[in-house]
C-alpha cells in the first residue's frame, strides 16, 4: 500500500510539473512576441495534397496586420478588413474578426494561447530539438480546428512551426524568419490596383 501511495505521489507531482511547464512555455512565447512590438514573419506553407510549399509573410503591429501568400494578400488597418486576390482581380472589404486566433484570420492573436482557451495535451521534443506543444482549443475558439501544434525554440522562446489539425488533415506554417520591423499605419491600408473590382461586404 505504501508503494502505491508513493507511486501516486510521484505521478501527481509529474503531472503538476507538466502543467506548469506548458503554461510557462506558452506564457513565455506570448511575452516574446509582444516584446518585439511590430514584427514580420516569413514562412512556408505546407497544405494537404499540394505538390510544393507556398511562400508567404505577415507583418503585425498592434491590431493592424498584413499577410500575403502567393497571389493573395489580406490586411487590417484596425477597423477595416480587406483581401486582395490577384487571380480573380478583386478586392473585398469586410469587418475584421479581432477575437480570432487563426493566423489566416487574425495574425495579431495567432500566438496568444490564453490558458482558458487552450489545454496542453502534450509536450515533447521534436527532431530539431525544439519543444513541441499539442494544444486543444476550447469549443468555438478555432472553428473546425481540433488541435494546434506549435514548436518553440528552447533557447530563444520563439515559435519555429505552427500547425492546424482539422479532422486529421494537417496544415503547417514553417517559420523561416522572425524579427522586429519598423511600420507605419499606411503599411496596412487597403490599396485597389487598377482594373480590380471592389466588393464590399460591410
N, C-alpha and C. Protein backbone atom coordinates (compact mmCIF):
# COMPACT_ATOMS: atom_id res chain seq x y z
N UNK A 1 0.82 -1.20 0.00
CA UNK A 1 0.00 0.00 0.00
C UNK A 1 0.86 1.26 0.00
N UNK A 2 1.93 1.23 0.81
CA UNK A 2 2.81 2.40 0.89
C UNK A 2 3.45 2.68 -0.47
N UNK A 3 3.84 1.62 -1.19
CA UNK A 3 4.46 1.80 -2.51
C UNK A 3 3.47 2.45 -3.49
N UNK A 4 2.20 2.05 -3.39
CA UNK A 4 1.19 2.61 -4.27
C UNK A 4 1.02 4.10 -4.00
N UNK A 5 1.01 4.47 -2.73
CA UNK A 5 0.87 5.87 -2.36
C UNK A 5 2.05 6.68 -2.88
N UNK A 6 3.26 6.14 -2.73
CA UNK A 6 4.46 6.83 -3.21
C UNK A 6 4.40 6.99 -4.73
N UNK A 7 4.01 5.92 -5.43
CA UNK A 7 3.91 5.97 -6.89
C UNK A 7 2.89 7.02 -7.32
N UNK A 8 1.74 7.05 -6.63
CA UNK A 8 0.71 8.04 -6.96
C UNK A 8 1.23 9.45 -6.75
N UNK A 9 1.97 9.64 -5.67
CA UNK A 9 2.52 10.97 -5.37
C UNK A 9 3.51 11.40 -6.45
N UNK A 10 4.34 10.47 -6.91
CA UNK A 10 5.31 10.78 -7.96
C UNK A 10 4.60 11.15 -9.26
N UNK A 11 3.58 10.36 -9.60
CA UNK A 11 2.84 10.63 -10.83
C UNK A 11 2.11 11.96 -10.74
N UNK A 12 1.55 12.26 -9.58
CA UNK A 12 0.85 13.52 -9.39
C UNK A 12 1.81 14.70 -9.50
N UNK A 13 2.97 14.55 -8.92
CA UNK A 13 3.97 15.60 -8.98
C UNK A 13 4.42 15.84 -10.41
N UNK A 14 4.59 14.76 -11.18
CA UNK A 14 4.99 14.90 -12.58
C UNK A 14 3.91 15.60 -13.38
N UNK A 15 2.64 15.27 -13.09
CA UNK A 15 1.54 15.88 -13.82
C UNK A 15 1.46 17.37 -13.53
N UNK A 16 1.65 17.76 -12.28
CA UNK A 16 1.61 19.17 -11.91
C UNK A 16 2.75 19.92 -12.57
N UNK A 17 3.96 19.33 -12.55
CA UNK A 17 5.11 19.95 -13.19
C UNK A 17 4.91 20.11 -14.68
N UNK A 18 4.28 19.11 -15.29
CA UNK A 18 3.98 19.13 -16.72
C UNK A 18 3.04 20.28 -17.06
N UNK A 19 1.97 20.43 -16.24
CA UNK A 19 1.02 21.51 -16.49
C UNK A 19 1.68 22.86 -16.35
N UNK A 20 2.52 23.00 -15.31
CA UNK A 20 3.22 24.26 -15.11
C UNK A 20 4.16 24.55 -16.28
N UNK A 21 4.84 23.52 -16.77
CA UNK A 21 5.76 23.71 -17.88
C UNK A 21 5.03 24.19 -19.13
N UNK A 22 3.87 23.59 -19.41
CA UNK A 22 3.09 24.01 -20.56
C UNK A 22 2.64 25.45 -20.43
N UNK A 23 2.16 25.80 -19.27
CA UNK A 23 1.71 27.17 -19.02
C UNK A 23 2.87 28.15 -19.14
N UNK A 24 4.01 27.78 -18.58
CA UNK A 24 5.18 28.65 -18.63
C UNK A 24 5.69 28.84 -20.05
N UNK A 25 5.70 27.76 -20.83
CA UNK A 25 6.18 27.85 -22.21
C UNK A 25 5.29 28.76 -23.05
N UNK A 26 3.99 28.60 -22.90
CA UNK A 26 3.05 29.43 -23.66
C UNK A 26 3.11 30.88 -23.21
N UNK A 27 3.27 31.08 -21.89
CA UNK A 27 3.39 32.43 -21.38
C UNK A 27 4.63 33.13 -21.90
N UNK A 28 5.75 32.39 -21.93
CA UNK A 28 6.99 32.95 -22.44
C UNK A 28 6.87 33.27 -23.92
N UNK A 29 6.21 32.39 -24.67
CA UNK A 29 6.01 32.61 -26.10
C UNK A 29 5.22 33.90 -26.35
N UNK A 30 4.13 34.09 -25.62
CA UNK A 30 3.32 35.30 -25.78
C UNK A 30 4.12 36.54 -25.42
N UNK A 31 4.93 36.46 -24.36
CA UNK A 31 5.75 37.59 -23.94
C UNK A 31 6.81 37.93 -24.98
N UNK A 32 7.42 36.90 -25.57
CA UNK A 32 8.44 37.11 -26.59
C UNK A 32 7.87 37.82 -27.81
N UNK A 33 6.69 37.41 -28.23
CA UNK A 33 6.07 38.01 -29.40
C UNK A 33 5.67 39.46 -29.11
N UNK A 34 5.09 39.70 -27.93
CA UNK A 34 4.66 41.06 -27.58
C UNK A 34 5.84 42.00 -27.43
N UNK A 35 6.97 41.49 -26.94
CA UNK A 35 8.14 42.33 -26.69
C UNK A 35 8.74 42.88 -27.98
N UNK A 36 8.46 42.25 -29.12
CA UNK A 36 9.02 42.72 -30.39
C UNK A 36 8.33 43.98 -30.90
N UNK A 37 7.16 44.28 -30.37
CA UNK A 37 6.41 45.42 -30.92
C UNK A 37 5.88 45.06 -32.29
N UNK A 38 6.27 45.79 -33.31
CA UNK A 38 5.91 45.44 -34.69
C UNK A 38 6.90 44.40 -35.20
N UNK A 39 6.38 43.36 -35.85
CA UNK A 39 7.28 42.29 -36.30
C UNK A 39 6.81 41.69 -37.63
N UNK A 40 7.74 41.01 -38.27
CA UNK A 40 7.46 40.32 -39.54
C UNK A 40 7.84 38.86 -39.40
N UNK A 41 7.00 37.99 -39.96
CA UNK A 41 7.27 36.56 -40.01
C UNK A 41 7.28 36.13 -41.47
N UNK A 42 8.38 35.56 -41.92
CA UNK A 42 8.44 34.93 -43.24
C UNK A 42 8.24 33.43 -43.04
N UNK A 43 7.38 32.83 -43.85
CA UNK A 43 7.06 31.42 -43.63
C UNK A 43 6.85 30.67 -44.94
N UNK A 44 6.84 29.36 -44.81
CA UNK A 44 6.48 28.46 -45.90
C UNK A 44 5.27 27.66 -45.45
N UNK A 45 4.29 27.55 -46.34
CA UNK A 45 3.03 26.90 -46.01
C UNK A 45 2.95 25.53 -46.67
N UNK A 46 2.73 24.50 -45.84
CA UNK A 46 2.52 23.14 -46.34
C UNK A 46 1.03 22.83 -46.26
N UNK A 47 0.42 22.59 -47.41
CA UNK A 47 -1.01 22.31 -47.46
C UNK A 47 -1.26 20.89 -47.94
N UNK A 48 -2.37 20.27 -47.52
CA UNK A 48 -2.70 18.91 -47.96
C UNK A 48 -2.79 18.82 -49.48
N UNK A 49 -2.21 17.79 -50.03
CA UNK A 49 -2.26 17.48 -51.47
C UNK A 49 -1.49 18.47 -52.33
N UNK A 50 -0.81 19.45 -51.72
CA UNK A 50 -0.03 20.40 -52.51
C UNK A 50 1.28 19.75 -52.94
N UNK A 51 1.71 20.02 -54.16
CA UNK A 51 2.94 19.44 -54.68
C UNK A 51 4.18 20.19 -54.21
N UNK A 52 3.99 21.42 -53.75
CA UNK A 52 5.11 22.23 -53.28
C UNK A 52 4.62 23.18 -52.19
N UNK A 53 5.55 23.70 -51.40
CA UNK A 53 5.19 24.66 -50.37
C UNK A 53 4.94 26.04 -50.98
N UNK A 54 4.10 26.81 -50.34
CA UNK A 54 3.85 28.19 -50.77
C UNK A 54 4.55 29.13 -49.81
N UNK A 55 5.17 30.16 -50.35
CA UNK A 55 5.89 31.13 -49.52
C UNK A 55 4.97 32.30 -49.18
N UNK A 56 5.15 32.83 -47.98
CA UNK A 56 4.34 33.96 -47.56
C UNK A 56 5.00 34.73 -46.43
N UNK A 57 4.33 35.79 -46.01
CA UNK A 57 4.81 36.57 -44.89
C UNK A 57 3.64 37.26 -44.22
N UNK A 58 3.83 37.67 -42.97
CA UNK A 58 2.86 38.52 -42.32
C UNK A 58 3.58 39.56 -41.48
N UNK A 59 3.01 40.74 -41.43
CA UNK A 59 3.54 41.84 -40.63
C UNK A 59 2.45 42.23 -39.64
N UNK A 60 2.82 42.34 -38.36
CA UNK A 60 1.86 42.63 -37.30
C UNK A 60 2.31 43.85 -36.53
N UNK A 61 1.36 44.74 -36.24
CA UNK A 61 1.64 45.92 -35.42
C UNK A 61 0.38 46.25 -34.63
N UNK A 62 0.33 45.86 -33.37
CA UNK A 62 -0.87 46.05 -32.57
C UNK A 62 -2.03 45.27 -33.15
N UNK A 63 -3.14 45.97 -33.47
CA UNK A 63 -4.29 45.30 -34.07
C UNK A 63 -4.26 45.39 -35.59
N UNK A 64 -3.18 45.94 -36.14
CA UNK A 64 -3.04 46.04 -37.60
C UNK A 64 -2.16 44.90 -38.11
N UNK A 65 -2.47 44.42 -39.31
CA UNK A 65 -1.65 43.37 -39.89
C UNK A 65 -1.79 43.33 -41.40
N UNK A 66 -0.82 42.66 -42.02
CA UNK A 66 -0.88 42.34 -43.44
C UNK A 66 -0.29 40.94 -43.60
N UNK A 67 -0.97 40.09 -44.36
CA UNK A 67 -0.48 38.74 -44.61
C UNK A 67 -0.61 38.45 -46.10
N UNK A 68 0.44 37.87 -46.68
CA UNK A 68 0.45 37.59 -48.12
C UNK A 68 0.93 36.17 -48.38
N UNK A 69 0.23 35.48 -49.28
CA UNK A 69 0.61 34.14 -49.72
C UNK A 69 0.35 34.07 -51.22
N UNK A 70 1.42 33.93 -51.99
CA UNK A 70 1.31 33.87 -53.46
C UNK A 70 0.52 35.09 -53.97
N UNK A 71 -0.62 34.87 -54.66
CA UNK A 71 -1.40 35.97 -55.25
C UNK A 71 -2.45 36.54 -54.29
N UNK A 72 -2.48 36.05 -53.05
CA UNK A 72 -3.47 36.53 -52.09
C UNK A 72 -2.81 37.44 -51.06
N UNK A 73 -3.48 38.53 -50.73
CA UNK A 73 -3.00 39.43 -49.70
C UNK A 73 -4.20 39.90 -48.87
N UNK A 74 -4.03 39.86 -47.56
CA UNK A 74 -5.09 40.28 -46.66
C UNK A 74 -4.52 41.21 -45.61
N UNK A 75 -5.30 42.20 -45.22
CA UNK A 75 -4.79 43.13 -44.23
C UNK A 75 -5.91 43.74 -43.41
N UNK A 76 -5.52 44.39 -42.32
CA UNK A 76 -6.46 45.07 -41.46
C UNK A 76 -5.78 46.31 -40.91
N UNK A 77 -6.45 47.45 -41.04
CA UNK A 77 -5.89 48.71 -40.53
C UNK A 77 -6.35 49.01 -39.11
N UNK A 78 -6.99 48.01 -38.49
CA UNK A 78 -7.52 48.17 -37.14
C UNK A 78 -9.03 48.21 -37.11
N UNK A 79 -9.64 48.67 -38.21
CA UNK A 79 -11.10 48.76 -38.29
C UNK A 79 -11.67 48.12 -39.56
N UNK A 80 -10.87 48.09 -40.62
CA UNK A 80 -11.32 47.55 -41.90
C UNK A 80 -10.50 46.33 -42.30
N UNK A 81 -11.20 45.24 -42.65
CA UNK A 81 -10.55 44.04 -43.17
C UNK A 81 -10.65 44.06 -44.69
N UNK A 82 -9.53 43.84 -45.37
CA UNK A 82 -9.55 43.81 -46.83
C UNK A 82 -8.76 42.61 -47.34
N UNK A 83 -9.15 42.11 -48.49
CA UNK A 83 -8.45 41.00 -49.13
C UNK A 83 -8.28 41.30 -50.62
N UNK A 84 -7.07 41.15 -51.09
CA UNK A 84 -6.77 41.38 -52.50
C UNK A 84 -6.42 40.04 -53.15
N UNK A 85 -7.19 39.67 -54.18
CA UNK A 85 -7.00 38.40 -54.89
C UNK A 85 -6.48 38.71 -56.29
N UNK A 86 -5.21 38.40 -56.53
CA UNK A 86 -4.61 38.69 -57.82
C UNK A 86 -5.12 37.81 -58.94
N UNK A 87 -5.64 36.63 -58.59
CA UNK A 87 -6.15 35.71 -59.61
C UNK A 87 -7.50 36.17 -60.15
N UNK A 88 -8.41 36.54 -59.24
CA UNK A 88 -9.74 36.98 -59.66
C UNK A 88 -9.79 38.49 -59.89
N UNK A 89 -8.71 39.19 -59.55
CA UNK A 89 -8.61 40.64 -59.69
C UNK A 89 -9.75 41.34 -58.93
N UNK A 90 -9.86 40.96 -57.66
CA UNK A 90 -10.90 41.52 -56.80
C UNK A 90 -10.29 41.99 -55.48
N UNK A 91 -10.89 43.01 -54.90
CA UNK A 91 -10.56 43.46 -53.54
C UNK A 91 -11.86 43.46 -52.76
N UNK A 92 -11.91 42.65 -51.68
CA UNK A 92 -13.11 42.59 -50.86
C UNK A 92 -12.88 43.34 -49.55
N UNK A 93 -13.94 43.95 -49.04
CA UNK A 93 -13.90 44.72 -47.80
C UNK A 93 -14.90 44.12 -46.82
N UNK A 94 -14.50 44.05 -45.53
CA UNK A 94 -15.38 43.44 -44.54
C UNK A 94 -14.99 43.94 -43.15
N UNK A 95 -15.74 43.48 -42.13
CA UNK A 95 -15.40 43.78 -40.75
C UNK A 95 -14.40 42.74 -40.25
N UNK A 96 -13.37 43.14 -39.51
CA UNK A 96 -12.40 42.17 -39.01
C UNK A 96 -12.94 41.36 -37.83
N UNK A 97 -12.43 40.14 -37.68
CA UNK A 97 -12.75 39.31 -36.52
C UNK A 97 -11.57 39.41 -35.56
N UNK A 98 -11.63 40.36 -34.65
CA UNK A 98 -10.50 40.63 -33.77
C UNK A 98 -10.30 39.58 -32.69
N UNK A 99 -11.29 38.69 -32.51
CA UNK A 99 -11.17 37.65 -31.48
C UNK A 99 -10.57 36.36 -32.02
N UNK A 100 -10.47 36.24 -33.34
CA UNK A 100 -9.94 35.02 -33.94
C UNK A 100 -8.48 34.81 -33.57
N UNK A 101 -8.09 33.54 -33.38
CA UNK A 101 -6.70 33.20 -33.11
C UNK A 101 -6.12 32.32 -34.22
N UNK A 102 -6.78 32.35 -35.36
CA UNK A 102 -6.29 31.65 -36.55
C UNK A 102 -5.37 32.61 -37.30
N UNK A 103 -4.15 32.16 -37.59
CA UNK A 103 -3.17 33.05 -38.23
C UNK A 103 -3.69 33.62 -39.53
N UNK A 104 -4.53 32.88 -40.25
CA UNK A 104 -5.02 33.34 -41.54
C UNK A 104 -6.21 34.29 -41.41
N UNK A 105 -6.83 34.36 -40.24
CA UNK A 105 -7.92 35.30 -39.99
C UNK A 105 -7.44 36.53 -39.24
N UNK A 106 -6.51 36.31 -38.31
CA UNK A 106 -6.07 37.40 -37.44
C UNK A 106 -4.69 37.08 -36.85
N UNK A 107 -3.63 37.37 -37.59
CA UNK A 107 -2.27 37.05 -37.10
C UNK A 107 -1.91 37.74 -35.79
N UNK A 108 -2.64 38.81 -35.43
CA UNK A 108 -2.29 39.55 -34.22
C UNK A 108 -2.45 38.72 -32.95
N UNK A 109 -3.29 37.66 -33.02
CA UNK A 109 -3.50 36.81 -31.84
C UNK A 109 -3.17 35.34 -32.10
N UNK A 110 -2.46 35.08 -33.19
CA UNK A 110 -2.16 33.69 -33.56
C UNK A 110 -1.28 32.99 -32.55
N UNK A 111 -0.48 33.74 -31.78
CA UNK A 111 0.41 33.13 -30.79
C UNK A 111 0.02 33.54 -29.37
N UNK A 112 -1.23 33.93 -29.21
CA UNK A 112 -1.76 34.28 -27.89
C UNK A 112 -2.59 33.10 -27.39
N UNK A 113 -1.93 32.17 -26.70
CA UNK A 113 -2.60 30.95 -26.26
C UNK A 113 -3.01 31.07 -24.79
N UNK A 114 -4.09 31.80 -24.55
CA UNK A 114 -4.58 32.01 -23.19
C UNK A 114 -4.97 30.68 -22.57
N UNK A 115 -4.65 30.52 -21.28
CA UNK A 115 -4.90 29.25 -20.58
C UNK A 115 -6.36 28.84 -20.63
N UNK A 116 -7.28 29.82 -20.54
CA UNK A 116 -8.69 29.47 -20.51
C UNK A 116 -9.22 29.05 -21.88
N UNK A 117 -8.42 29.26 -22.93
CA UNK A 117 -8.86 28.92 -24.28
C UNK A 117 -8.16 27.71 -24.87
N UNK A 118 -7.00 27.34 -24.30
CA UNK A 118 -6.23 26.21 -24.84
C UNK A 118 -5.75 25.30 -23.72
N UNK A 119 -5.98 24.01 -23.91
CA UNK A 119 -5.48 23.00 -22.97
C UNK A 119 -4.26 22.32 -23.57
N UNK A 120 -3.20 22.15 -22.78
CA UNK A 120 -2.00 21.49 -23.26
C UNK A 120 -2.21 19.98 -23.20
N UNK A 121 -2.26 19.34 -24.38
CA UNK A 121 -2.45 17.90 -24.45
C UNK A 121 -1.13 17.16 -24.24
N UNK A 122 -0.06 17.67 -24.83
CA UNK A 122 1.24 17.01 -24.67
C UNK A 122 2.38 17.98 -24.95
N UNK A 123 3.55 17.67 -24.37
CA UNK A 123 4.78 18.41 -24.62
C UNK A 123 5.87 17.40 -24.89
N UNK A 124 6.52 17.52 -26.04
CA UNK A 124 7.63 16.64 -26.39
C UNK A 124 8.74 17.47 -27.01
N UNK A 125 9.83 16.82 -27.36
CA UNK A 125 10.92 17.46 -28.08
C UNK A 125 10.94 16.90 -29.49
N UNK A 126 10.91 17.78 -30.51
CA UNK A 126 10.89 17.30 -31.89
C UNK A 126 12.30 16.97 -32.39
N UNK A 127 12.40 16.57 -33.65
CA UNK A 127 13.68 16.17 -34.21
C UNK A 127 14.69 17.31 -34.27
N UNK A 128 14.19 18.55 -34.33
CA UNK A 128 15.08 19.71 -34.39
C UNK A 128 15.52 20.17 -33.00
N UNK A 129 15.05 19.49 -31.96
CA UNK A 129 15.43 19.85 -30.61
C UNK A 129 14.58 20.96 -30.01
N UNK A 130 13.43 21.26 -30.62
CA UNK A 130 12.53 22.29 -30.10
C UNK A 130 11.41 21.65 -29.28
N UNK A 131 10.85 22.44 -28.37
CA UNK A 131 9.65 21.99 -27.68
C UNK A 131 8.52 21.90 -28.69
N UNK A 132 7.73 20.82 -28.61
CA UNK A 132 6.54 20.70 -29.44
C UNK A 132 5.33 20.54 -28.53
N UNK A 133 4.44 21.52 -28.57
CA UNK A 133 3.24 21.50 -27.74
C UNK A 133 2.02 21.22 -28.60
N UNK A 134 1.21 20.27 -28.17
CA UNK A 134 -0.06 19.98 -28.82
C UNK A 134 -1.15 20.57 -27.93
N UNK A 135 -1.95 21.48 -28.50
CA UNK A 135 -2.95 22.22 -27.75
C UNK A 135 -4.35 21.88 -28.24
N UNK A 136 -5.28 21.80 -27.30
CA UNK A 136 -6.68 21.56 -27.61
C UNK A 136 -7.45 22.87 -27.41
N UNK A 137 -7.96 23.46 -28.48
CA UNK A 137 -8.73 24.71 -28.33
C UNK A 137 -10.07 24.44 -27.65
N UNK A 138 -10.51 25.37 -26.84
CA UNK A 138 -11.85 25.28 -26.27
C UNK A 138 -12.88 25.36 -27.39
N UNK A 139 -14.07 24.86 -27.13
CA UNK A 139 -15.12 24.83 -28.14
C UNK A 139 -15.41 26.23 -28.68
N UNK A 140 -15.40 26.35 -30.01
CA UNK A 140 -15.72 27.60 -30.65
C UNK A 140 -14.56 28.56 -30.84
N UNK A 141 -13.39 28.22 -30.29
CA UNK A 141 -12.26 29.14 -30.38
C UNK A 141 -11.66 29.18 -31.79
N UNK A 142 -11.53 28.01 -32.43
CA UNK A 142 -10.89 27.96 -33.74
C UNK A 142 -11.74 27.22 -34.77
N UNK A 143 -13.04 27.30 -34.64
CA UNK A 143 -13.90 26.69 -35.63
C UNK A 143 -13.67 25.20 -35.75
N UNK A 144 -13.34 24.72 -36.97
CA UNK A 144 -13.15 23.30 -37.21
C UNK A 144 -11.77 22.78 -36.85
N UNK A 145 -10.89 23.63 -36.34
CA UNK A 145 -9.54 23.19 -35.96
C UNK A 145 -9.60 22.47 -34.62
N UNK A 146 -9.21 21.19 -34.61
CA UNK A 146 -9.33 20.37 -33.42
C UNK A 146 -8.08 20.42 -32.54
N UNK A 147 -6.93 20.62 -33.16
CA UNK A 147 -5.68 20.69 -32.42
C UNK A 147 -4.77 21.75 -33.04
N UNK A 148 -3.96 22.37 -32.20
CA UNK A 148 -2.93 23.29 -32.64
C UNK A 148 -1.60 22.72 -32.18
N UNK A 149 -0.65 22.65 -33.10
CA UNK A 149 0.70 22.18 -32.76
C UNK A 149 1.66 23.35 -32.95
N UNK A 150 2.39 23.67 -31.91
CA UNK A 150 3.34 24.78 -32.00
C UNK A 150 4.70 24.32 -31.51
N UNK A 151 5.72 24.52 -32.35
CA UNK A 151 7.10 24.21 -31.99
C UNK A 151 7.78 25.48 -31.51
N UNK A 152 8.49 25.39 -30.39
CA UNK A 152 9.12 26.56 -29.78
C UNK A 152 10.60 26.28 -29.56
N UNK A 153 11.44 27.20 -30.04
CA UNK A 153 12.89 27.07 -29.84
C UNK A 153 13.21 27.16 -28.35
N UNK A 154 13.97 26.20 -27.84
CA UNK A 154 14.23 26.13 -26.40
C UNK A 154 15.08 27.29 -25.91
N UNK A 155 15.93 27.84 -26.75
CA UNK A 155 16.81 28.92 -26.32
C UNK A 155 16.15 30.29 -26.44
N UNK A 156 15.58 30.56 -27.61
CA UNK A 156 15.04 31.90 -27.86
C UNK A 156 13.61 32.08 -27.35
N UNK A 157 12.85 30.99 -27.28
CA UNK A 157 11.45 31.09 -26.89
C UNK A 157 10.53 31.49 -28.02
N UNK A 158 11.07 31.61 -29.25
CA UNK A 158 10.26 32.00 -30.40
C UNK A 158 9.69 30.75 -31.09
N UNK A 159 8.54 30.90 -31.76
CA UNK A 159 7.95 29.77 -32.49
C UNK A 159 8.76 29.46 -33.76
N UNK A 160 8.86 28.19 -34.10
CA UNK A 160 9.53 27.77 -35.33
C UNK A 160 8.56 27.10 -36.30
N UNK A 161 7.42 26.65 -35.79
CA UNK A 161 6.44 25.97 -36.65
C UNK A 161 5.07 26.02 -35.98
N UNK A 162 4.04 26.20 -36.79
CA UNK A 162 2.67 26.23 -36.29
C UNK A 162 1.83 25.33 -37.18
N UNK A 163 1.06 24.45 -36.56
CA UNK A 163 0.23 23.52 -37.32
C UNK A 163 -1.21 23.52 -36.86
N UNK A 164 -2.13 23.36 -37.82
CA UNK A 164 -3.55 23.25 -37.51
C UNK A 164 -4.04 21.90 -37.98
N UNK A 165 -4.67 21.13 -37.06
CA UNK A 165 -5.19 19.81 -37.37
C UNK A 165 -6.70 19.88 -37.48
N UNK A 166 -7.21 19.59 -38.68
CA UNK A 166 -8.65 19.60 -38.93
C UNK A 166 -9.10 18.22 -39.35
N UNK A 167 -9.62 17.46 -38.39
CA UNK A 167 -10.09 16.08 -38.64
C UNK A 167 -9.00 15.23 -39.27
N UNK A 168 -7.80 15.34 -38.76
CA UNK A 168 -6.69 14.52 -39.24
C UNK A 168 -5.95 15.11 -40.41
N UNK A 169 -6.44 16.20 -40.98
CA UNK A 169 -5.78 16.87 -42.10
C UNK A 169 -4.95 18.01 -41.54
N UNK A 170 -3.64 17.95 -41.73
CA UNK A 170 -2.76 18.94 -41.14
C UNK A 170 -2.36 20.04 -42.12
N UNK A 171 -2.27 21.25 -41.62
CA UNK A 171 -1.78 22.40 -42.38
C UNK A 171 -0.67 23.02 -41.55
N UNK A 172 0.53 23.18 -42.16
CA UNK A 172 1.71 23.61 -41.41
C UNK A 172 2.27 24.92 -41.91
N UNK A 173 2.63 25.78 -40.95
CA UNK A 173 3.31 27.03 -41.25
C UNK A 173 4.73 26.93 -40.70
N UNK A 174 5.70 26.75 -41.58
CA UNK A 174 7.10 26.66 -41.17
C UNK A 174 7.70 28.06 -41.15
N UNK A 175 8.12 28.51 -39.99
CA UNK A 175 8.64 29.86 -39.84
C UNK A 175 10.11 29.91 -40.25
N UNK A 176 10.39 30.67 -41.31
CA UNK A 176 11.73 30.78 -41.85
C UNK A 176 12.52 31.88 -41.14
N UNK A 177 11.83 33.00 -40.86
CA UNK A 177 12.49 34.14 -40.24
C UNK A 177 11.46 34.94 -39.45
N UNK A 178 11.90 35.47 -38.32
CA UNK A 178 11.02 36.30 -37.50
C UNK A 178 11.84 37.40 -36.84
N UNK A 179 11.31 38.63 -36.83
CA UNK A 179 12.06 39.73 -36.23
C UNK A 179 11.29 41.03 -36.23
N UNK A 180 11.74 41.98 -35.43
CA UNK A 180 11.11 43.29 -35.34
C UNK A 180 11.32 44.09 -36.63
N UNK A 181 10.33 44.92 -36.97
CA UNK A 181 10.42 45.79 -38.15
C UNK A 181 9.80 47.14 -37.83
N UNK A 182 10.17 48.15 -38.61
CA UNK A 182 9.53 49.46 -38.50
C UNK A 182 8.32 49.49 -39.42
N UNK A 183 7.21 50.00 -38.91
CA UNK A 183 5.99 50.08 -39.71
C UNK A 183 5.34 51.45 -39.54
N UNK A 184 4.41 51.75 -40.45
CA UNK A 184 3.59 52.95 -40.34
C UNK A 184 2.15 52.53 -40.63
N UNK A 185 1.15 53.31 -40.21
CA UNK A 185 -0.25 52.96 -40.46
C UNK A 185 -0.54 52.73 -41.95
N UNK A 186 0.15 53.44 -42.83
CA UNK A 186 -0.09 53.29 -44.27
C UNK A 186 0.25 51.88 -44.77
N UNK A 187 1.14 51.19 -44.06
CA UNK A 187 1.53 49.84 -44.49
C UNK A 187 0.36 48.87 -44.46
N UNK A 188 -0.71 49.20 -43.71
CA UNK A 188 -1.82 48.27 -43.53
C UNK A 188 -3.11 48.76 -44.18
N UNK A 189 -3.04 49.87 -44.89
CA UNK A 189 -4.21 50.43 -45.54
C UNK A 189 -4.52 49.68 -46.84
N UNK A 190 -5.79 49.66 -47.20
CA UNK A 190 -6.20 48.97 -48.41
C UNK A 190 -5.77 49.77 -49.64
N UNK A 191 -5.31 49.05 -50.65
CA UNK A 191 -4.99 49.65 -51.95
C UNK A 191 -5.71 48.85 -53.03
N UNK A 192 -6.32 49.55 -53.97
CA UNK A 192 -7.04 48.87 -55.05
C UNK A 192 -6.27 49.07 -56.34
N UNK A 193 -5.59 48.02 -56.84
CA UNK A 193 -4.85 48.15 -58.10
C UNK A 193 -5.80 48.47 -59.26
N UNK A 194 -5.26 49.10 -60.26
CA UNK A 194 -6.05 49.46 -61.44
C UNK A 194 -6.65 48.21 -62.09
N UNK A 195 -7.93 48.27 -62.39
CA UNK A 195 -8.60 47.16 -63.04
C UNK A 195 -9.19 46.13 -62.09
N UNK A 196 -9.02 46.31 -60.79
CA UNK A 196 -9.58 45.36 -59.81
C UNK A 196 -10.98 45.81 -59.41
N UNK A 197 -11.88 44.84 -59.23
CA UNK A 197 -13.25 45.11 -58.78
C UNK A 197 -13.28 45.15 -57.25
N UNK A 198 -14.03 46.09 -56.67
CA UNK A 198 -14.18 46.19 -55.24
C UNK A 198 -15.53 45.59 -54.83
N UNK A 199 -15.50 44.66 -53.87
CA UNK A 199 -16.71 44.03 -53.35
C UNK A 199 -16.79 44.33 -51.86
N UNK A 200 -17.85 45.01 -51.44
CA UNK A 200 -17.98 45.47 -50.05
C UNK A 200 -19.04 44.63 -49.32
N UNK A 201 -18.60 43.86 -48.31
CA UNK A 201 -19.49 43.01 -47.53
C UNK A 201 -19.92 43.65 -46.22
N UNK A 202 -19.53 44.89 -45.98
CA UNK A 202 -19.84 45.53 -44.68
C UNK A 202 -21.33 45.90 -44.57
